[in-house]
Amino acid sequence: MRQLIIICSAALVLAACNTTPTKQQAKAPTPAEILVEESVGFTIVESAQIDGQVRIDYDHALGLLGQGRLADGVAALE
């Protein structure tokens, strides 16, 4: 009886060690582009998908800043 328990335990341990983990799809990171301008410095450029409403709000905030309405423009950006 004791040998049967040992054999079953060993089989259980081996079965548990034999399982393979599920593969996860690894996304390759998209590297950012770095633009260097000698007189100014550098700019980091990344591609991103932006919702249409966010883009409209951003353009509105830039318009407010361009008109000199700094407090309103900053509030719109927040």
C-alpha atoms as a PDB file:
ATOM      1  CA  MET A   1       0.000   0.000   0.000  1.00  0.00           C
ATOM      2  CA  ARG A   2       2.818   2.365   0.879  1.00  0.00           C
ATOM      3  CA  GLN A   3       4.543   1.703  -2.460  1.00  0.00           C
ATOM      4  CA  LEU A   4       1.300   2.501  -4.306  1.00  0.00           C
ATOM      5  CA  ILE A   5       1.053   5.878  -2.547  1.00  0.00           C
ATOM      6  CA  ILE A   6       4.696   6.663  -3.371  1.00  0.00           C
ATOM      7  CA  ILE A   7       4.215   5.694  -7.027  1.00  0.00           C
ATOM      8  CA  CYS A   8       1.011   7.751  -7.304  1.00  0.00           C
ATOM      9  CA  SER A   9       2.706  10.726  -5.651  1.00  0.00           C
ATOM     10  CA  ALA A  10       5.681  10.477  -8.008  1.00  0.00           C
ATOM     11  CA  ALA A  11       3.359  10.233 -11.017  1.00  0.00           C
ATOM     12  CA  LEU A  12       1.438  13.282  -9.814  1.00  0.00           C
ATOM     13  CA  VAL A  13       4.634  15.304  -9.365  1.00  0.00           C
ATOM     14  CA  LEU A  14       5.903  14.320 -12.822  1.00  0.00           C
ATOM     15  CA  ALA A  15       2.556  15.152 -14.410  1.00  0.00           C
ATOM     16  CA  ALA A  16       2.525  18.573 -12.772  1.00  0.00           C
ATOM     17  CA  CYS A  17       6.045  19.303 -13.990  1.00  0.00           C
ATOM     18  CA  ASN A  18       5.193  18.226 -17.513  1.00  0.00           C
ATOM     19  CA  THR A  19       2.543  20.861 -18.215  1.00  0.00           C
ATOM     20  CA  THR A  20       3.389  23.576 -20.688  1.00  0.00           C
ATOM     21  CA  PRO A  21       2.444  27.180 -20.047  1.00  0.00           C
ATOM     22  CA  THR A  22       0.131  28.912 -22.461  1.00  0.00           C
ATOM     23  CA  LYS A  23       1.919  31.021 -25.017  1.00  0.00           C
ATOM     24  CA  GLN A  24       1.275  34.729 -24.820  1.00  0.00           C
ATOM     25  CA  GLN A  25       1.494  36.816 -27.929  1.00  0.00           C
ATOM     26  CA  ALA A  26       4.396  39.153 -27.382  1.00  0.00           C
ATOM     27  CA  LYS A  27       3.977  42.497 -29.088  1.00  0.00           C
ATOM     28  CA  ALA A  28       7.131  43.891 -30.521  1.00  0.00           C
ATOM     29  CA  PRO A  29       7.708  47.367 -29.131  1.00  0.00           C
ATOM     30  CA  THR A  30       7.643  50.080 -31.721  1.00  0.00           C
ATOM     31  CA  PRO A  31      10.753  52.149 -31.298  1.00  0.00           C
ATOM     32  CA  ALA A  32      10.352  55.887 -31.024  1.00  0.00           C
ATOM     33  CA  GLU A  33      12.004  58.028 -33.643  1.00  0.00           C
ATOM     34  CA  ILE A  34      14.440  60.615 -32.312  1.00  0.00           C
ATOM     35  CA  LEU A  35      14.952  63.723 -34.411  1.00  0.00           C
ATOM     36  CA  VAL A  36      18.065  65.721 -33.519  1.00  0.00           C
ATOM     37  CA  GLU A  37      18.292  69.402 -34.421  1.00  0.00           C
ATOM     38  CA  GLU A  38      21.654  70.939 -33.602  1.00  0.00           C
ATOM     39  CA  SER A  39      20.377  74.428 -32.740  1.00  0.00           C
ATOM     40  CA  VAL A  40      17.287  73.371 -30.782  1.00  0.00           C
ATOM     41  CA  GLY A  41      17.868  69.964 -29.219  1.00  0.00           C
ATOM     42  CA  PHE A  42      15.954  66.800 -29.961  1.00  0.00           C
ATOM     43  CA  THR A  43      12.374  65.639 -30.403  1.00  0.00           C
ATOM     44  CA  ILE A  44      11.017  62.167 -29.648  1.00  0.00           C
ATOM     45  CA  VAL A  45       8.328  61.152 -32.147  1.00  0.00           C
ATOM     46  CA  GLU A  46       5.970  58.212 -31.587  1.00  0.00           C
ATOM     47  CA  SER A  47       2.971  57.018 -33.555  1.00  0.00           C
ATOM     48  CA  ALA A  48      -0.229  56.737 -31.550  1.00  0.00           C
ATOM     49  CA  GLN A  49      -3.908  56.296 -32.248  1.00  0.00           C
ATOM     50  CA  ILE A  50      -5.870  59.204 -30.809  1.00  0.00           C
ATOM     51  CA  ASP A  51      -9.647  59.407 -30.472  1.00  0.00           C
ATOM     52  CA  GLY A  52     -11.263  62.053 -32.685  1.00  0.00           C
ATOM     53  CA  GLN A  53     -12.803  63.972 -29.774  1.00  0.00           C
ATOM     54  CA  VAL A  54      -9.434  64.185 -28.001  1.00  0.00           C
ATOM     55  CA  ARG A  55      -7.906  65.654 -31.151  1.00  0.00           C
ATOM     56  CA  ILE A  56     -10.720  68.228 -31.413  1.00  0.00           C
ATOM     57  CA  ASP A  57     -10.283  69.215 -27.744  1.00  0.00           C
ATOM     58  CA  TYR A  58      -6.522  69.572 -28.250  1.00  0.00           C
ATOM     59  CA  ASP A  59      -6.956  71.786 -31.319  1.00  0.00           C
ATOM     60  CA  HIS A  60      -9.459  73.928 -29.393  1.00  0.00           C
ATOM     61  CA  ALA A  61      -6.988  74.317 -26.510  1.00  0.00           C
ATOM     62  CA  LEU A  62      -4.210  75.304 -28.931  1.00  0.00           C
ATOM     63  CA  GLY A  63      -6.523  77.915 -30.425  1.00  0.00           C
ATOM     64  CA  LEU A  64      -7.203  79.366 -26.976  1.00  0.00           C
ATOM     65  CA  LEU A  65      -3.473  79.491 -26.218  1.00  0.00           C
ATOM     66  CA  GLY A  66      -2.835  81.172 -29.568  1.00  0.00           C
ATOM     67  CA  GLN A  67      -5.390  83.866 -28.695  1.00  0.00           C
ATOM     68  CA  GLY A  68      -3.564  84.569 -25.452  1.00  0.00           C
ATOM     69  CA  ARG A  69      -6.269  82.993 -23.296  1.00  0.00           C
ATOM     70  CA  LEU A  70      -3.703  81.027 -21.316  1.00  0.00           C
ATOM     71  CA  ALA A  71      -5.862  80.067 -18.332  1.00  0.00           C
ATOM     72  CA  ASP A  72      -8.645  78.762 -20.593  1.00  0.00           C
ATOM     73  CA  GLY A  73      -6.162  76.933 -22.834  1.00  0.00           C
ATOM     74  CA  VAL A  74      -4.426  75.222 -19.922  1.00  0.00           C
ATOM     75  CA  ALA A  75      -7.778  74.287 -18.383  1.00  0.00           C
ATOM     76  CA  ALA A  76      -8.861  72.739 -21.695  1.00  0.00           C
ATOM     77  CA  LEU A  77      -5.660  70.689 -21.831  1.00  0.00           C
ATOM     78  CA  GLU A  78      -6.199  69.312 -18.332  1.00  0.00           C
END
